[in-house]
Amino acid sequence: MQLKPLDDRIVVKQIEAEETTAGGIVLPDAAKEKSQRGEVVALGPGRLLDSGERCPIGLEVGDQVLFGKYGGSDIEVDGEEVKILRESDILAKIV
C-alpha cells in the first residue's frame, strides 16, 4: 500500500537510534529512545492558501529531517512503521 499525504503533511520513515554510546557501551532496547531523525518518503501537495493557491513544501523525497519528540502520528504500513507530520512539525533539514 502506498500513502499519498494531503495538504502540508509529510510521511517520514524514522532512522534507527544509535545502539552504542560514544564510550562504546551497548544499549539494550529498553534504554533506547525513539529517534527524532527520519527520511522523507512522501509529500503532500502543500498547504492551501486563502487565495486558492498551494504553498509548496520546502522538502523533497529522500531528505533527512529532524522532528519534535511528540509530533505527528505513528502508523504501520505493510509492516513498516512510519510517522505522518505536518510541515510545521519538521524542525530542520539535515544537509
C-alpha atoms as a PDB file:
ATOM      1  CA  MET A   1       0.000   0.000   0.000  1.00  0.00           C
ATOM      2  CA  GLN A   2       1.259   3.468  -0.856  1.00  0.00           C
ATOM      3  CA  LEU A   3       0.414   6.646   1.040  1.00  0.00           C
ATOM      4  CA  LYS A   4      -0.337   9.983  -0.596  1.00  0.00           C
ATOM      5  CA  PRO A   5      -0.433  12.605   2.174  1.00  0.00           C
ATOM      6  CA  LEU A   6      -2.873  15.504   1.963  1.00  0.00           C
ATOM      7  CA  ASP A   7      -2.151  19.252   2.150  1.00  0.00           C
ATOM      8  CA  ASP A   8       1.052  20.049   4.099  1.00  0.00           C
ATOM      9  CA  ARG A   9       1.559  16.566   5.547  1.00  0.00           C
ATOM     10  CA  ILE A  10       4.779  14.599   5.193  1.00  0.00           C
ATOM     11  CA  VAL A  11       5.395  10.853   5.615  1.00  0.00           C
ATOM     12  CA  VAL A  12       8.712  10.140   7.361  1.00  0.00           C
ATOM     13  CA  LYS A  13      10.453   6.805   7.966  1.00  0.00           C
ATOM     14  CA  GLN A  14      12.323   7.004  11.256  1.00  0.00           C
ATOM     15  CA  ILE A  15      16.048   6.264  11.250  1.00  0.00           C
ATOM     16  CA  GLU A  16      17.057   3.836  13.992  1.00  0.00           C
ATOM     17  CA  ALA A  17      18.763   5.286  17.082  1.00  0.00           C
ATOM     18  CA  GLU A  18      22.389   4.511  17.899  1.00  0.00           C
ATOM     19  CA  GLU A  19      22.888   1.179  19.667  1.00  0.00           C
ATOM     20  CA  THR A  20      26.142   2.158  21.401  1.00  0.00           C
ATOM     21  CA  THR A  21      27.221   5.241  23.329  1.00  0.00           C
ATOM     22  CA  ALA A  22      30.279   7.323  22.477  1.00  0.00           C
ATOM     23  CA  GLY A  23      32.190   5.340  25.138  1.00  0.00           C
ATOM     24  CA  GLY A  24      31.321   2.017  23.461  1.00  0.00           C
ATOM     25  CA  ILE A  25      28.594   0.866  25.865  1.00  0.00           C
ATOM     26  CA  VAL A  26      25.903  -1.194  24.103  1.00  0.00           C
ATOM     27  CA  LEU A  27      22.380  -0.011  24.970  1.00  0.00           C
ATOM     28  CA  PRO A  28      19.565  -2.531  25.481  1.00  0.00           C
ATOM     29  CA  ASP A  29      16.270  -1.968  23.629  1.00  0.00           C
ATOM     30  CA  ALA A  30      14.558  -0.744  26.811  1.00  0.00           C
ATOM     31  CA  ALA A  31      17.127   2.045  27.280  1.00  0.00           C
ATOM     32  CA  LYS A  32      16.949   3.382  23.723  1.00  0.00           C
ATOM     33  CA  GLU A  33      14.843   6.429  22.941  1.00  0.00           C
ATOM     34  CA  LYS A  34      12.929   6.692  19.685  1.00  0.00           C
ATOM     35  CA  SER A  35      14.898   8.579  17.098  1.00  0.00           C
ATOM     36  CA  GLN A  36      13.832  12.111  16.218  1.00  0.00           C
ATOM     37  CA  ARG A  37      15.510  11.788  12.844  1.00  0.00           C
ATOM     38  CA  GLY A  38      13.990  10.396   9.680  1.00  0.00           C
ATOM     39  CA  GLU A  39      13.878  10.242   5.900  1.00  0.00           C
ATOM     40  CA  VAL A  40      11.051  11.786   3.881  1.00  0.00           C
ATOM     41  CA  VAL A  41       9.236   9.099   1.867  1.00  0.00           C
ATOM     42  CA  ALA A  42       6.159  11.054   0.635  1.00  0.00           C
ATOM     43  CA  LEU A  43       4.945  14.659   0.464  1.00  0.00           C
ATOM     44  CA  GLY A  44       1.526  16.244   0.127  1.00  0.00           C
ATOM     45  CA  PRO A  45       0.871  18.984  -2.460  1.00  0.00           C
ATOM     46  CA  GLY A  46       1.267  21.803   0.104  1.00  0.00           C
ATOM     47  CA  ARG A  47      -0.913  23.983   2.286  1.00  0.00           C
ATOM     48  CA  LEU A  48      -3.931  25.572   0.601  1.00  0.00           C
ATOM     49  CA  LEU A  49      -3.815  29.374   0.885  1.00  0.00           C
ATOM     50  CA  ASP A  50      -6.844  31.697   1.179  1.00  0.00           C
ATOM     51  CA  SER A  51      -6.287  32.719  -2.446  1.00  0.00           C
ATOM     52  CA  GLY A  52      -6.817  29.089  -3.559  1.00  0.00           C
ATOM     53  CA  GLU A  53      -3.151  28.554  -4.467  1.00  0.00           C
ATOM     54  CA  ARG A  54      -0.888  25.939  -2.900  1.00  0.00           C
ATOM     55  CA  CYS A  55       2.179  26.845  -0.853  1.00  0.00           C
ATOM     56  CA  PRO A  56       4.782  24.247  -1.880  1.00  0.00           C
ATOM     57  CA  ILE A  57       6.592  22.205   0.776  1.00  0.00           C
ATOM     58  CA  GLY A  58      10.284  23.042   1.136  1.00  0.00           C
ATOM     59  CA  LEU A  59      11.424  19.411   1.209  1.00  0.00           C
ATOM     60  CA  GLU A  60      11.917  16.588  -1.279  1.00  0.00           C
ATOM     61  CA  VAL A  61      11.561  12.809  -1.043  1.00  0.00           C
ATOM     62  CA  GLY A  62      14.843  11.412   0.316  1.00  0.00           C
ATOM     63  CA  ASP A  63      15.668  14.424   2.521  1.00  0.00           C
ATOM     64  CA  GLN A  64      16.720  13.654   6.090  1.00  0.00           C
ATOM     65  CA  VAL A  65      14.931  15.726   8.731  1.00  0.00           C
ATOM     66  CA  LEU A  66      14.688  16.293  12.477  1.00  0.00           C
ATOM     67  CA  PHE A  67      11.250  16.469  14.079  1.00  0.00           C
ATOM     68  CA  GLY A  68       9.765  17.041  17.530  1.00  0.00           C
ATOM     69  CA  LYS A  69       9.709  14.192  20.037  1.00  0.00           C
ATOM     70  CA  TYR A  70       5.907  14.094  20.316  1.00  0.00           C
ATOM     71  CA  GLY A  71       4.955  15.432  16.877  1.00  0.00           C
ATOM     72  CA  GLY A  72       2.888  13.619  14.285  1.00  0.00           C
ATOM     73  CA  SER A  73       1.107  10.284  14.243  1.00  0.00           C
ATOM     74  CA  ASP A  74       2.773   6.859  14.205  1.00  0.00           C
ATOM     75  CA  ILE A  75       1.177   4.346  11.849  1.00  0.00           C
ATOM     76  CA  GLU A  76       2.137   0.980  10.376  1.00  0.00           C
ATOM     77  CA  VAL A  77       2.005   0.388   6.619  1.00  0.00           C
ATOM     78  CA  ASP A  78       2.860  -3.042   5.199  1.00  0.00           C
ATOM     79  CA  GLY A  79       4.668  -3.978   8.423  1.00  0.00           C
ATOM     80  CA  GLU A  80       6.795  -0.833   8.402  1.00  0.00           C
ATOM     81  CA  GLU A  81       6.315   1.927  10.970  1.00  0.00           C
ATOM     82  CA  VAL A  82       6.163   5.482   9.598  1.00  0.00           C
ATOM     83  CA  LYS A  83       5.259   8.871  11.019  1.00  0.00           C
ATOM     84  CA  ILE A  84       2.903  11.410   9.420  1.00  0.00           C
ATOM     85  CA  LEU A  85       3.805  15.001  10.283  1.00  0.00           C
ATOM     86  CA  ARG A  86       2.669  18.462   9.289  1.00  0.00           C
ATOM     87  CA  GLU A  87       5.296  20.641   7.656  1.00  0.00           C
ATOM     88  CA  SER A  88       5.340  22.820  10.794  1.00  0.00           C
ATOM     89  CA  ASP A  89       6.345  19.742  12.905  1.00  0.00           C
ATOM     90  CA  ILE A  90       9.644  19.473  10.988  1.00  0.00           C
ATOM     91  CA  LEU A  91      12.374  21.249  12.960  1.00  0.00           C
ATOM     92  CA  ALA A  92      15.268  21.074  10.488  1.00  0.00           C
ATOM     93  CA  LYS A  93      16.573  19.538   7.283  1.00  0.00           C
ATOM     94  CA  ILE A  94      19.903  17.723   7.627  1.00  0.00           C
ATOM     95  CA  VAL A  95      22.331  18.835   4.901  1.00  0.00           C
END
